[in-house]
Each structure stands twice: as structure tokens, then as C-alpha cells.
C-alpha atoms as a PDB file:
ATOM      1  CA  UNK A   1       0.000   0.000   0.000  1.00  0.00           C
ATOM      2  CA  UNK A   2       2.840   2.363   0.831  1.00  0.00           C
ATOM      3  CA  UNK A   3       4.627   1.642  -2.455  1.00  0.00           C
ATOM      4  CA  UNK A   4       1.434   2.343  -4.420  1.00  0.00           C
ATOM      5  CA  UNK A   5       1.028   5.683  -2.644  1.00  0.00           C
ATOM      6  CA  UNK A   6       4.605   6.617  -3.500  1.00  0.00           C
ATOM      7  CA  UNK A   7       4.020   5.671  -7.148  1.00  0.00           C
ATOM      8  CA  UNK A   8       0.865   7.815  -7.264  1.00  0.00           C
ATOM      9  CA  UNK A   9       2.685  10.749  -5.705  1.00  0.00           C
ATOM     10  CA  UNK A  10       5.576  10.429  -8.183  1.00  0.00           C
ATOM     11  CA  UNK A  11       3.171  10.143 -11.114  1.00  0.00           C
ATOM     12  CA  UNK A  12       1.253  13.222  -9.958  1.00  0.00           C
ATOM     13  CA  UNK A  13       4.493  15.139  -9.453  1.00  0.00           C
ATOM     14  CA  UNK A  14       5.739  14.196 -12.917  1.00  0.00           C
ATOM     15  CA  UNK A  15       2.471  15.285 -14.528  1.00  0.00           C
ATOM     16  CA  UNK A  16       2.511  18.541 -12.567  1.00  0.00           C
ATOM     17  CA  UNK A  17       6.113  19.316 -13.584  1.00  0.00           C
ATOM     18  CA  UNK A  18       5.334  18.484 -17.228  1.00  0.00           C
ATOM     19  CA  UNK A  19       2.358  20.858 -17.163  1.00  0.00           C
ATOM     20  CA  UNK A  20       4.468  23.592 -15.571  1.00  0.00           C
ATOM     21  CA  UNK A  21       7.133  23.127 -18.236  1.00  0.00           C
ATOM     22  CA  UNK A  22       4.569  23.374 -21.025  1.00  0.00           C
ATOM     23  CA  UNK A  23       3.053  26.528 -19.517  1.00  0.00           C
ATOM     24  CA  UNK A  24       6.496  28.041 -19.023  1.00  0.00           C
ATOM     25  CA  UNK A  25       7.473  27.271 -22.593  1.00  0.00           C
ATOM     26  CA  UNK A  26       4.258  28.854 -23.858  1.00  0.00           C
ATOM     27  CA  UNK A  27       4.802  32.006 -21.812  1.00  0.00           C
ATOM     28  CA  UNK A  28       8.410  32.254 -22.984  1.00  0.00           C
ATOM     29  CA  UNK A  29       7.400  31.827 -26.616  1.00  0.00           C
ATOM     30  CA  UNK A  30       4.652  34.433 -26.252  1.00  0.00           C
ATOM     31  CA  UNK A  31       7.023  36.904 -24.589  1.00  0.00           C
ATOM     32  CA  UNK A  32       9.611  36.348 -27.321  1.00  0.00           C
ATOM     33  CA  UNK A  33       6.964  36.952 -29.998  1.00  0.00           C
ATOM     34  CA  UNK A  34       5.929  40.177 -28.340  1.00  0.00           C
ATOM     35  CA  UNK A  35       9.489  41.386 -27.959  1.00  0.00           C
ATOM     36  CA  UNK A  36      10.369  40.624 -31.562  1.00  0.00           C
ATOM     37  CA  UNK A  37       7.425  42.317 -33.287  1.00  0.00           C
ATOM     38  CA  UNK A  38       9.650  45.117 -34.557  1.00  0.00           C
ATOM     39  CA  UNK A  39      12.507  42.695 -35.261  1.00  0.00           C
ATOM     40  CA  UNK A  40      10.246  40.734 -37.606  1.00  0.00           C
ATOM     41  CA  UNK A  41       9.858  43.843 -39.730  1.00  0.00           C
ATOM     42  CA  UNK A  42      13.598  44.446 -39.488  1.00  0.00           C
ATOM     43  CA  UNK A  43      14.373  40.996 -40.898  1.00  0.00           C
ATOM     44  CA  UNK A  44      12.467  41.762 -44.107  1.00  0.00           C
ATOM     45  CA  UNK A  45      14.238  45.083 -44.756  1.00  0.00           C
ATOM     46  CA  UNK A  46      17.636  45.479 -46.332  1.00  0.00           C
ATOM     47  CA  UNK A  47      18.651  48.737 -44.643  1.00  0.00           C
ATOM     48  CA  UNK A  48      17.848  50.983 -41.698  1.00  0.00           C
ATOM     49  CA  UNK A  49      16.286  53.546 -44.017  1.00  0.00           C
ATOM     50  CA  UNK A  50      13.865  50.964 -45.432  1.00  0.00           C
ATOM     51  CA  UNK A  51      13.073  49.769 -41.925  1.00  0.00           C
ATOM     52  CA  UNK A  52      12.203  53.280 -40.732  1.00  0.00           C
ATOM     53  CA  UNK A  53      10.031  53.963 -43.780  1.00  0.00           C
ATOM     54  CA  UNK A  54       8.150  50.679 -43.338  1.00  0.00           C
ATOM     55  CA  UNK A  55       7.588  51.191 -39.616  1.00  0.00           C
ATOM     56  CA  UNK A  56       6.312  54.702 -40.242  1.00  0.00           C
ATOM     57  CA  UNK A  57       4.039  53.497 -43.047  1.00  0.00           C
ATOM     58  CA  UNK A  58       2.472  50.933 -40.740  1.00  0.00           C
ATOM     59  CA  UNK A  59       1.682  53.731 -38.296  1.00  0.00           C
ATOM     60  CA  UNK A  60      -0.004  55.963 -40.898  1.00  0.00           C
ATOM     61  CA  UNK A  61       2.975  58.298 -41.330  1.00  0.00           C
ATOM     62  CA  UNK A  62       4.940  59.341 -44.388  1.00  0.00           C
ATOM     63  CA  UNK A  63       8.623  58.602 -44.968  1.00  0.00           C
ATOM     64  CA  UNK A  64       9.635  61.695 -42.955  1.00  0.00           C
ATOM     65  CA  UNK A  65       7.536  60.715 -39.940  1.00  0.00           C
ATOM     66  CA  UNK A  66       4.798  63.288 -40.543  1.00  0.00           C
ATOM     67  CA  UNK A  67       1.068  62.677 -40.829  1.00  0.00           C
ATOM     68  CA  UNK A  68      -0.052  61.755 -44.311  1.00  0.00           C
ATOM     69  CA  UNK A  69      -3.842  61.891 -43.864  1.00  0.00           C
ATOM     70  CA  UNK A  70      -5.882  65.055 -44.301  1.00  0.00           C
ATOM     71  CA  UNK A  71      -7.865  64.460 -41.092  1.00  0.00           C
ATOM     72  CA  UNK A  72      -5.326  65.311 -38.392  1.00  0.00           C
ATOM     73  CA  UNK A  73      -7.341  63.900 -35.481  1.00  0.00           C
ATOM     74  CA  UNK A  74      -7.947  60.621 -37.299  1.00  0.00           C
ATOM     75  CA  UNK A  75      -4.294  60.296 -38.280  1.00  0.00           C
ATOM     76  CA  UNK A  76      -3.242  60.864 -34.661  1.00  0.00           C
ATOM     77  CA  UNK A  77      -5.755  58.234 -33.544  1.00  0.00           C
ATOM     78  CA  UNK A  78      -4.410  55.697 -36.044  1.00  0.00           C
ATOM     79  CA  UNK A  79      -0.814  56.380 -35.002  1.00  0.00           C
ATOM     80  CA  UNK A  80      -1.606  56.153 -31.289  1.00  0.00           C
ATOM     81  CA  UNK A  81      -3.497  52.882 -31.713  1.00  0.00           C
ATOM     82  CA  UNK A  82      -0.360  51.096 -32.955  1.00  0.00           C
ATOM     83  CA  UNK A  83      -2.400  49.085 -35.475  1.00  0.00           C
ATOM     84  CA  UNK A  84      -1.019  48.294 -38.901  1.00  0.00           C
ATOM     85  CA  UNK A  85      -2.518  50.964 -41.169  1.00  0.00           C
ATOM     86  CA  UNK A  86      -4.463  49.140 -43.908  1.00  0.00           C
ATOM     87  CA  UNK A  87      -6.993  51.542 -45.492  1.00  0.00           C
ATOM     88  CA  UNK A  88      -8.518  48.974 -47.867  1.00  0.00           C
ATOM     89  CA  UNK A  89      -9.104  46.378 -45.146  1.00  0.00           C
ATOM     90  CA  UNK A  90     -10.471  48.989 -42.753  1.00  0.00           C
ATOM     91  CA  UNK A  91     -12.875  50.325 -45.398  1.00  0.00           C
ATOM     92  CA  UNK A  92     -14.133  46.791 -46.036  1.00  0.00           C
ATOM     93  CA  UNK A  93     -14.706  46.207 -42.314  1.00  0.00           C
ATOM     94  CA  UNK A  94     -16.564  49.530 -41.989  1.00  0.00           C
ATOM     95  CA  UNK A  95     -18.761  48.662 -44.974  1.00  0.00           C
ATOM     96  CA  UNK A  96     -19.501  45.242 -43.476  1.00  0.00           C
ATOM     97  CA  UNK A  97     -20.513  46.826 -40.165  1.00  0.00           C
ATOM     98  CA  UNK A  98     -22.812  49.238 -41.996  1.00  0.00           C
ATOM     99  CA  UNK A  99     -24.496  46.445 -43.950  1.00  0.00           C
ATOM    100  CA  UNK A 100     -24.927  44.349 -40.803  1.00  0.00           C
ATOM    101  CA  UNK A 101     -26.426  47.268 -38.875  1.00  0.00           C
ATOM    102  CA  UNK A 102     -28.803  48.049 -41.738  1.00  0.00           C
ATOM    103  CA  UNK A 103     -29.938  44.431 -41.980  1.00  0.00           C
ATOM    104  CA  UNK A 104     -30.498  43.979 -38.240  1.00  0.00           C
ATOM    105  CA  UNK A 105     -32.335  47.291 -37.760  1.00  0.00           C
ATOM    106  CA  UNK A 106     -34.516  46.762 -40.826  1.00  0.00           C
ATOM    107  CA  UNK A 107     -35.324  43.190 -39.746  1.00  0.00           C
ATOM    108  CA  UNK A 108     -36.668  44.391 -36.403  1.00  0.00           C
ATOM    109  CA  UNK A 109     -38.029  47.861 -37.222  1.00  0.00           C
ATOM    110  CA  UNK A 110     -39.001  47.571 -40.921  1.00  0.00           C
ATOM    111  CA  UNK A 111     -38.109  51.229 -41.399  1.00  0.00           C
ATOM    112  CA  UNK A 112     -35.629  52.752 -43.850  1.00  0.00           C
ATOM    113  CA  UNK A 113     -35.792  55.985 -41.863  1.00  0.00           C
ATOM    114  CA  UNK A 114     -34.044  54.293 -38.950  1.00  0.00           C
ATOM    115  CA  UNK A 115     -32.038  51.621 -40.763  1.00  0.00           C
ATOM    116  CA  UNK A 116     -30.074  54.014 -42.986  1.00  0.00           C
ATOM    117  CA  UNK A 117     -28.855  56.252 -40.107  1.00  0.00           C
ATOM    118  CA  UNK A 118     -28.061  53.116 -38.093  1.00  0.00           C
ATOM    119  CA  UNK A 119     -25.913  51.812 -40.952  1.00  0.00           C
ATOM    120  CA  UNK A 120     -24.071  55.143 -41.257  1.00  0.00           C
ATOM    121  CA  UNK A 121     -23.450  55.298 -37.522  1.00  0.00           C
ATOM    122  CA  UNK A 122     -22.174  51.706 -37.406  1.00  0.00           C
ATOM    123  CA  UNK A 123     -19.885  52.219 -40.414  1.00  0.00           C
ATOM    124  CA  UNK A 124     -18.316  55.399 -39.013  1.00  0.00           C
ATOM    125  CA  UNK A 125     -18.729  55.507 -35.248  1.00  0.00           C
ATOM    126  CA  UNK A 126     -17.928  51.891 -34.335  1.00  0.00           C
ATOM    127  CA  UNK A 127     -14.485  51.837 -36.062  1.00  0.00           C
ATOM    128  CA  UNK A 128     -13.594  55.158 -34.449  1.00  0.00           C
ATOM    129  CA  UNK A 129     -14.662  53.893 -31.025  1.00  0.00           C
ATOM    130  CA  UNK A 130     -12.562  50.769 -31.563  1.00  0.00           C
ATOM    131  CA  UNK A 131      -9.534  52.876 -32.506  1.00  0.00           C
ATOM    132  CA  UNK A 132     -10.057  55.079 -29.434  1.00  0.00           C
ATOM    133  CA  UNK A 133     -10.321  52.019 -27.200  1.00  0.00           C
ATOM    134  CA  UNK A 134      -7.191  50.475 -28.707  1.00  0.00           C
ATOM    135  CA  UNK A 135      -5.273  53.755 -28.434  1.00  0.00           C
ATOM    136  CA  UNK A 136      -6.343  54.203 -24.815  1.00  0.00           C
ATOM    137  CA  UNK A 137      -5.327  50.670 -23.900  1.00  0.00           C
ATOM    138  CA  UNK A 138      -1.973  51.128 -25.630  1.00  0.00           C
ATOM    139  CA  UNK A 139      -1.430  54.471 -23.906  1.00  0.00           C
ATOM    140  CA  UNK A 140      -2.115  52.853 -20.535  1.00  0.00           C
ATOM    141  CA  UNK A 141       0.348  50.055 -21.306  1.00  0.00           C
ATOM    142  CA  UNK A 142       2.993  52.591 -22.330  1.00  0.00           C
ATOM    143  CA  UNK A 143       2.573  54.408 -19.031  1.00  0.00           C
ATOM    144  CA  UNK A 144       2.973  51.159 -17.098  1.00  0.00           C
ATOM    145  CA  UNK A 145       6.140  50.202 -18.991  1.00  0.00           C
ATOM    146  CA  UNK A 146       7.809  53.619 -19.002  1.00  0.00           C
ATOM    147  CA  UNK A 147       9.306  53.539 -15.455  1.00  0.00           C
ATOM    148  CA  UNK A 148      11.044  50.238 -16.210  1.00  0.00           C
ATOM    149  CA  UNK A 149      12.308  51.629 -19.516  1.00  0.00           C
ATOM    150  CA  UNK A 150      13.669  54.720 -17.768  1.00  0.00           C
ATOM    151  CA  UNK A 151      15.449  52.567 -15.199  1.00  0.00           C
ATOM    152  CA  UNK A 152      17.075  50.564 -18.004  1.00  0.00           C
ATOM    153  CA  UNK A 153      18.288  53.817 -19.564  1.00  0.00           C
ATOM    154  CA  UNK A 154      19.583  55.050 -16.180  1.00  0.00           C
ATOM    155  CA  UNK A 155      21.525  51.843 -15.536  1.00  0.00           C
ATOM    156  CA  UNK A 156      22.961  51.928 -19.038  1.00  0.00           C
ATOM    157  CA  UNK A 157      24.051  55.558 -18.608  1.00  0.00           C
ATOM    158  CA  UNK A 158      25.602  54.817 -15.220  1.00  0.00           C
ATOM    159  CA  UNK A 159      27.522  51.963 -16.846  1.00  0.00           C
ATOM    160  CA  UNK A 160      29.074  54.481 -19.245  1.00  0.00           C
ATOM    161  CA  UNK A 161      27.004  53.858 -22.360  1.00  0.00           C
ATOM    162  CA  UNK A 162      25.936  56.792 -24.552  1.00  0.00           C
ATOM    163  CA  UNK A 163      22.280  57.808 -24.648  1.00  0.00           C
ATOM    164  CA  UNK A 164      21.528  56.312 -28.120  1.00  0.00           C
ATOM    165  CA  UNK A 165      22.849  52.948 -26.931  1.00  0.00           C
ATOM    166  CA  UNK A 166      20.659  53.137 -23.816  1.00  0.00           C
ATOM    167  CA  UNK A 167      17.581  53.935 -25.919  1.00  0.00           C
ATOM    168  CA  UNK A 168      18.423  51.070 -28.284  1.00  0.00           C
ATOM    169  CA  UNK A 169      18.717  48.731 -25.294  1.00  0.00           C
ATOM    170  CA  UNK A 170      15.122  49.503 -24.321  1.00  0.00           C
ATOM    171  CA  UNK A 171      14.047  48.683 -27.873  1.00  0.00           C
ATOM    172  CA  UNK A 172      15.710  45.265 -27.635  1.00  0.00           C
ATOM    173  CA  UNK A 173      14.816  44.274 -24.084  1.00  0.00           C
ATOM    174  CA  UNK A 174      11.316  45.674 -23.528  1.00  0.00           C
ATOM    175  CA  UNK A 175       8.143  44.137 -25.011  1.00  0.00           C
ATOM    176  CA  UNK A 176       5.646  46.034 -27.119  1.00  0.00           C
ATOM    177  CA  UNK A 177       4.399  48.672 -27.230  1.00  0.00           C
ATOM    178  CA  UNK A 178       7.269  50.578 -25.637  1.00  0.00           C
ATOM    179  CA  UNK A 179       9.898  48.312 -27.186  1.00  0.00           C
ATOM    180  CA  UNK A 180       8.807  49.155 -30.722  1.00  0.00           C
ATOM    181  CA  UNK A 181       8.494  52.861 -29.949  1.00  0.00           C
ATOM    182  CA  UNK A 182      11.961  53.185 -28.434  1.00  0.00           C
ATOM    183  CA  UNK A 183      13.350  50.854 -31.078  1.00  0.00           C
ATOM    184  CA  UNK A 184      12.046  53.141 -33.825  1.00  0.00           C
ATOM    185  CA  UNK A 185      13.581  56.116 -32.016  1.00  0.00           C
ATOM    186  CA  UNK A 186      16.917  54.278 -31.846  1.00  0.00           C
ATOM    187  CA  UNK A 187      16.686  53.496 -35.578  1.00  0.00           C
ATOM    188  CA  UNK A 188      16.048  57.169 -36.331  1.00  0.00           C
ATOM    189  CA  UNK A 189      19.090  58.153 -34.268  1.00  0.00           C
ATOM    190  CA  UNK A 190      21.303  55.605 -36.016  1.00  0.00           C
ATOM    191  CA  UNK A 191      20.061  56.871 -39.385  1.00  0.00           C
ATOM    192  CA  UNK A 192      21.135  60.432 -38.598  1.00  0.00           C
ATOM    193  CA  UNK A 193      18.441  62.148 -36.530  1.00  0.00           C
ATOM    194  CA  UNK A 194      19.457  63.944 -33.372  1.00  0.00           C
ATOM    195  CA  UNK A 195      18.412  62.617 -29.974  1.00  0.00           C
ATOM    196  CA  UNK A 196      16.127  65.611 -29.412  1.00  0.00           C
ATOM    197  CA  UNK A 197      14.397  65.083 -32.761  1.00  0.00           C
ATOM    198  CA  UNK A 198      13.951  61.351 -32.140  1.00  0.00           C
ATOM    199  CA  UNK A 199      12.360  61.770 -28.710  1.00  0.00           C
ATOM    200  CA  UNK A 200      10.161  64.600 -30.038  1.00  0.00           C
ATOM    201  CA  UNK A 201       8.768  62.282 -32.712  1.00  0.00           C
ATOM    202  CA  UNK A 202       8.416  59.560 -30.095  1.00  0.00           C
ATOM    203  CA  UNK A 203       6.217  61.853 -28.013  1.00  0.00           C
ATOM    204  CA  UNK A 204       4.209  62.895 -31.068  1.00  0.00           C
ATOM    205  CA  UNK A 205       3.546  59.280 -32.043  1.00  0.00           C
ATOM    206  CA  UNK A 206       2.386  58.164 -28.607  1.00  0.00           C
ATOM    207  CA  UNK A 207       0.710  61.312 -27.243  1.00  0.00           C
ATOM    208  CA  UNK A 208       1.228  59.810 -23.802  1.00  0.00           C
ATOM    209  CA  UNK A 209       1.729  62.419 -21.020  1.00  0.00           C
ATOM    210  CA  UNK A 210       4.507  60.529 -19.257  1.00  0.00           C
ATOM    211  CA  UNK A 211       6.371  59.920 -22.527  1.00  0.00           C
ATOM    212  CA  UNK A 212       6.043  63.624 -23.299  1.00  0.00           C
ATOM    213  CA  UNK A 213       7.563  64.339 -19.877  1.00  0.00           C
ATOM    214  CA  UNK A 214      10.499  62.067 -20.746  1.00  0.00           C
ATOM    215  CA  UNK A 215      10.953  63.827 -24.097  1.00  0.00           C
ATOM    216  CA  UNK A 216      10.841  67.241 -22.425  1.00  0.00           C
ATOM    217  CA  UNK A 217      13.456  66.109 -19.894  1.00  0.00           C
ATOM    218  CA  UNK A 218      15.820  64.937 -22.635  1.00  0.00           C
ATOM    219  CA  UNK A 219      15.387  68.161 -24.637  1.00  0.00           C
ATOM    220  CA  UNK A 220      15.900  70.301 -21.543  1.00  0.00           C
ATOM    221  CA  UNK A 221      19.069  68.443 -20.578  1.00  0.00           C
ATOM    222  CA  UNK A 222      20.418  68.830 -24.109  1.00  0.00           C
ATOM    223  CA  UNK A 223      19.985  72.614 -23.918  1.00  0.00           C
ATOM    224  CA  UNK A 224      21.001  73.303 -20.306  1.00  0.00           C
ATOM    225  CA  UNK A 225      23.320  70.398 -19.483  1.00  0.00           C
ATOM    226  CA  UNK A 226      23.351  68.376 -16.293  1.00  0.00           C
ATOM    227  CA  UNK A 227      23.329  64.733 -15.286  1.00  0.00           C
ATOM    228  CA  UNK A 228      20.742  62.996 -17.466  1.00  0.00           C
ATOM    229  CA  UNK A 229      20.789  59.823 -15.346  1.00  0.00           C
ATOM    230  CA  UNK A 230      19.783  61.773 -12.221  1.00  0.00           C
ATOM    231  CA  UNK A 231      17.049  63.600 -14.112  1.00  0.00           C
ATOM    232  CA  UNK A 232      15.635  60.348 -15.459  1.00  0.00           C
ATOM    233  CA  UNK A 233      15.672  58.821 -11.973  1.00  0.00           C
ATOM    234  CA  UNK A 234      13.467  61.671 -10.779  1.00  0.00           C
ATOM    235  CA  UNK A 235      11.389  61.243 -13.914  1.00  0.00           C
ATOM    236  CA  UNK A 236      10.834  57.535 -13.218  1.00  0.00           C
ATOM    237  CA  UNK A 237       9.846  58.279  -9.613  1.00  0.00           C
ATOM    238  CA  UNK A 238       7.363  60.922 -10.795  1.00  0.00           C
ATOM    239  CA  UNK A 239       5.806  58.553 -13.324  1.00  0.00           C
ATOM    240  CA  UNK A 240       5.365  55.842 -10.701  1.00  0.00           C
ATOM    241  CA  UNK A 241       3.727  58.322  -8.326  1.00  0.00           C
ATOM    242  CA  UNK A 242       1.328  59.424 -11.052  1.00  0.00           C
ATOM    243  CA  UNK A 243       0.453  55.802 -11.781  1.00  0.00           C
ATOM    244  CA  UNK A 244      -0.377  55.202  -8.126  1.00  0.00           C
ATOM    245  CA  UNK A 245      -2.631  58.248  -8.175  1.00  0.00           C
ATOM    246  CA  UNK A 246      -4.379  56.979 -11.321  1.00  0.00           C
ATOM    247  CA  UNK A 247      -5.037  53.629  -9.628  1.00  0.00           C
ATOM    248  CA  UNK A 248      -6.536  55.408  -6.612  1.00  0.00           C
ATOM    249  CA  UNK A 249      -8.795  57.452  -8.883  1.00  0.00           C
ATOM    250  CA  UNK A 250      -9.794  54.315 -10.769  1.00  0.00           C
ATOM    251  CA  UNK A 251     -10.721  52.593  -7.506  1.00  0.00           C
ATOM    252  CA  UNK A 252     -12.725  55.619  -6.371  1.00  0.00           C
ATOM    253  CA  UNK A 253     -14.689  55.743  -9.633  1.00  0.00           C
ATOM    254  CA  UNK A 254     -15.275  51.985  -9.929  1.00  0.00           C
ATOM    255  CA  UNK A 255     -18.773  52.262  -8.433  1.00  0.00           C
ATOM    256  CA  UNK A 256     -19.779  54.812 -11.063  1.00  0.00           C
ATOM    257  CA  UNK A 257     -18.462  52.624 -13.875  1.00  0.00           C
ATOM    258  CA  UNK A 258     -20.343  49.599 -12.552  1.00  0.00           C
ATOM    259  CA  UNK A 259     -23.549  51.630 -12.304  1.00  0.00           C
ATOM    260  CA  UNK A 260     -23.125  52.876 -15.881  1.00  0.00           C
ATOM    261  CA  UNK A 261     -22.579  49.308 -17.126  1.00  0.00           C
ATOM    262  CA  UNK A 262     -25.679  47.991 -15.342  1.00  0.00           C
ATOM    263  CA  UNK A 263     -27.917  50.888 -16.398  1.00  0.00           C
ATOM    264  CA  UNK A 264     -26.781  50.544 -20.009  1.00  0.00           C
ATOM    265  CA  UNK A 265     -27.070  46.775 -20.363  1.00  0.00           C
ATOM    266  CA  UNK A 266     -30.284  46.233 -18.372  1.00  0.00           C
ATOM    267  CA  UNK A 267     -32.753  47.643 -20.978  1.00  0.00           C
ATOM    268  CA  UNK A 268     -31.211  45.606 -23.800  1.00  0.00           C
ATOM    269  CA  UNK A 269     -31.161  42.419 -21.716  1.00  0.00           C
ATOM    270  CA  UNK A 270     -34.773  42.880 -20.660  1.00  0.00           C
ATOM    271  CA  UNK A 271     -35.897  43.686 -24.207  1.00  0.00           C
ATOM    272  CA  UNK A 272     -34.052  40.671 -25.630  1.00  0.00           C
ATOM    273  CA  UNK A 273     -35.467  38.346 -22.968  1.00  0.00           C
ATOM    274  CA  UNK A 274     -39.020  39.568 -23.550  1.00  0.00           C
ATOM    275  CA  UNK A 275     -38.628  39.174 -27.298  1.00  0.00           C
ATOM    276  CA  UNK A 276     -37.470  35.578 -26.852  1.00  0.00           C
ATOM    277  CA  UNK A 277     -40.115  34.657 -24.282  1.00  0.00           C
ATOM    278  CA  UNK A 278     -43.105  36.535 -25.756  1.00  0.00           C
ATOM    279  CA  UNK A 279     -42.321  37.647 -29.320  1.00  0.00           C
ATOM    280  CA  UNK A 280     -45.824  39.067 -29.737  1.00  0.00           C
ATOM    281  CA  UNK A 281     -45.197  41.618 -26.967  1.00  0.00           C
ATOM    282  CA  UNK A 282     -43.321  43.871 -29.386  1.00  0.00           C
ATOM    283  CA  UNK A 283     -44.391  42.154 -32.601  1.00  0.00           C
ATOM    284  CA  UNK A 284     -47.903  43.582 -32.501  1.00  0.00           C
ATOM    285  CA  UNK A 285     -46.827  47.199 -32.144  1.00  0.00           C
ATOM    286  CA  UNK A 286     -43.322  47.347 -33.638  1.00  0.00           C
ATOM    287  CA  UNK A 287     -44.675  48.562 -36.988  1.00  0.00           C
ATOM    288  CA  UNK A 288     -46.262  51.606 -35.389  1.00  0.00           C
ATOM    289  CA  UNK A 289     -44.355  54.792 -36.196  1.00  0.00           C
ATOM    290  CA  UNK A 290     -44.884  56.151 -32.683  1.00  0.00           C
ATOM    291  CA  UNK A 291     -43.275  53.066 -31.161  1.00  0.00           C
ATOM    292  CA  UNK A 292     -40.337  53.249 -33.564  1.00  0.00           C
ATOM    293  CA  UNK A 293     -39.740  56.917 -32.834  1.00  0.00           C
ATOM    294  CA  UNK A 294     -40.074  56.244 -29.121  1.00  0.00           C
ATOM    295  CA  UNK A 295     -37.463  53.457 -29.204  1.00  0.00           C
ATOM    296  CA  UNK A 296     -35.133  55.651 -31.247  1.00  0.00           C
ATOM    297  CA  UNK A 297     -35.580  58.496 -28.776  1.00  0.00           C
ATOM    298  CA  UNK A 298     -34.849  56.153 -25.858  1.00  0.00           C
ATOM    299  CA  UNK A 299     -31.663  55.007 -27.561  1.00  0.00           C
ATOM    300  CA  UNK A 300     -30.530  58.596 -28.142  1.00  0.00           C
ATOM    301  CA  UNK A 301     -31.360  59.501 -24.547  1.00  0.00           C
ATOM    302  CA  UNK A 302     -29.386  56.476 -23.313  1.00  0.00           C
ATOM    303  CA  UNK A 303     -26.356  57.564 -25.346  1.00  0.00           C
ATOM    304  CA  UNK A 304     -26.580  61.054 -23.840  1.00  0.00           C
ATOM    305  CA  UNK A 305     -26.822  59.573 -20.355  1.00  0.00           C
ATOM    306  CA  UNK A 306     -23.741  57.424 -20.944  1.00  0.00           C
ATOM    307  CA  UNK A 307     -21.782  60.444 -22.142  1.00  0.00           C
ATOM    308  CA  UNK A 308     -22.786  62.368 -19.000  1.00  0.00           C
ATOM    309  CA  UNK A 309     -21.809  59.465 -16.736  1.00  0.00           C
ATOM    310  CA  UNK A 310     -18.515  59.131 -18.564  1.00  0.00           C
ATOM    311  CA  UNK A 311     -17.736  62.791 -17.881  1.00  0.00           C
ATOM    312  CA  UNK A 312     -18.583  62.274 -14.220  1.00  0.00           C
ATOM    313  CA  UNK A 313     -16.222  59.325 -13.684  1.00  0.00           C
ATOM    314  CA  UNK A 314     -13.426  60.131 -16.165  1.00  0.00           C
ATOM    315  CA  UNK A 315     -10.732  61.939 -14.172  1.00  0.00           C
ATOM    316  CA  UNK A 316      -7.449  63.025 -15.709  1.00  0.00           C
ATOM    317  CA  UNK A 317      -4.353  62.695 -13.535  1.00  0.00           C
END
């Protein structure tokens, strides 16, 4: 009996260690993939100049790093999102969303007066909201990674490395998104741009307040002199303090966000449940113009309420 128990324990331990090894290998492979996103582009380019042009093109910028779209706000949103800029694919997705919204609204409401505006809103507003969400999530990730990146630069400077080498080290060692951003800045420096110009473009691409603070620190040190490592240490401490304050604000406003989520989802859940349980509840009156206008007005009023609640719980730190 004792030998059997030992065998079971050894078998369980072997299975547990094998599972841990598989999970560890998967995490390592995923981390390596994330780190090497920019390096994958680098492998397909023959020179640094081609690499910079390709990286800028993927961010919606021209070969000089300037915006190439007429709509400035949209170009900034595309660049901040970090998505690969593919106008044809994006136009197809927007058209598909518009067609889907038209079909769904016309199926339920049987009204062109509502279906056409719904299609236009879905084809234009939903992609923009997705880009804003992606840009906001990327901006948050950049802020979380920046203190570690600054500490890498500080250690590299204290070891005697020049600033371009320290920036390049961040591009090699840090995962996306900050690894690609600093890596592109290092490529620009190696291609001939000055450090001040590279960090200025870095701040313009990200539009992240803490990154802009880093860029301002580098430009100020270049003009006035001083110990850049000490300045960046203070910078890293300031960024961490601001992050702690953001987390406190987020915790304080969590109740408001939960209330907004419940108030927004409850009408749709109730309406969907009633339609599934008793389809005739809305089916007998859905063709009435008054009911259609009333539902449209409720939807507009709900959107206004969500915008008001967002203003109430969205604090900038």
C-alpha cells in the first residue's frame, strides 16, 4: 500500500512538472513573440532607411515621420493605436458593419428611416470607437512600462554607455508597445536624426503624457546640461507616483463605472429576454411609427446619459 502511494505521488508530481514546463514554454514563446514584433519587420528590410520607412508606413505616417492623412485627429488616432494601417481592409470592415447594422435594424423595425442612419453610424462611429479604445489601452500600457524603460536607460548611462545605446537597449529588451516605440527612435538616431528630434517624434507618435515628460526632460538636458541619469531617476519616480494616483482614482470611480454598465445593459437584456419569451409583446406594435420613434428616442437619450456618466467618472491625472 505504501509503495502504491509513493508511485501515485511520483506520477502526480511528474504530470505537474510536465504541465508547468509546457506553460512556461508557452509564456516564454509568447514573450519572445511580443518582444520581436519590430525585429520581424527588421528581418524583411535590407537597410535601416527601409526599416524606418516601413515602420512609419504601418503607423499611418509618411517617410519623414509626418502625418499623411488630411484628417489630423484621425491620423493621430491611427498612429496612437499602434495598429497596422491598412486603409482597404479597414474600409471593407466599416462597410460590413454598416451592412450588418442596416440588416439587423430593418429586420426588427421595418423602417428605412431608422435603418439608414443606423448603418451610417455603425460604419463610421464603431471603427472610431474601436480605434479610441485600442489607443487608450496602448497608452495605458505605455505608461505602465515607461518607469522600467527609464530605469534601463539610467543603468545603461551609469555603466558608461551613450544615450543612443541606452535607448536602443530599451528597444531590444522591452516588449511592445514601448519596445517598438523606443526601437524606432533608436533606428532614427542611427540613421542620422538627433536625440532631441527622435524623442520629439516619439512623443508625437504616442501622445502619452509621461512619454512627453520624458521627451521634455531629454530636450531640456540637451539645452542646459546636467546629469541625465539623475534627471531620469526623478522622472521615473514621478511617473510611478502618477500611476499610483491613477489607480486610486480608478478605484474611487469603480462604483460609477459599474452603475453605468448595469444601467446601459439592463434595458437591452430585458428587451431581448421579452422578445425571446413573448415575441408578440413587441411584434404587434413594432410597426407603429410612434413606437419606432419612441425606441429611437430612448436610444438617443441612453447615449446622452452614458456620455454624462462618462464625464462624471473620467478623471485626468
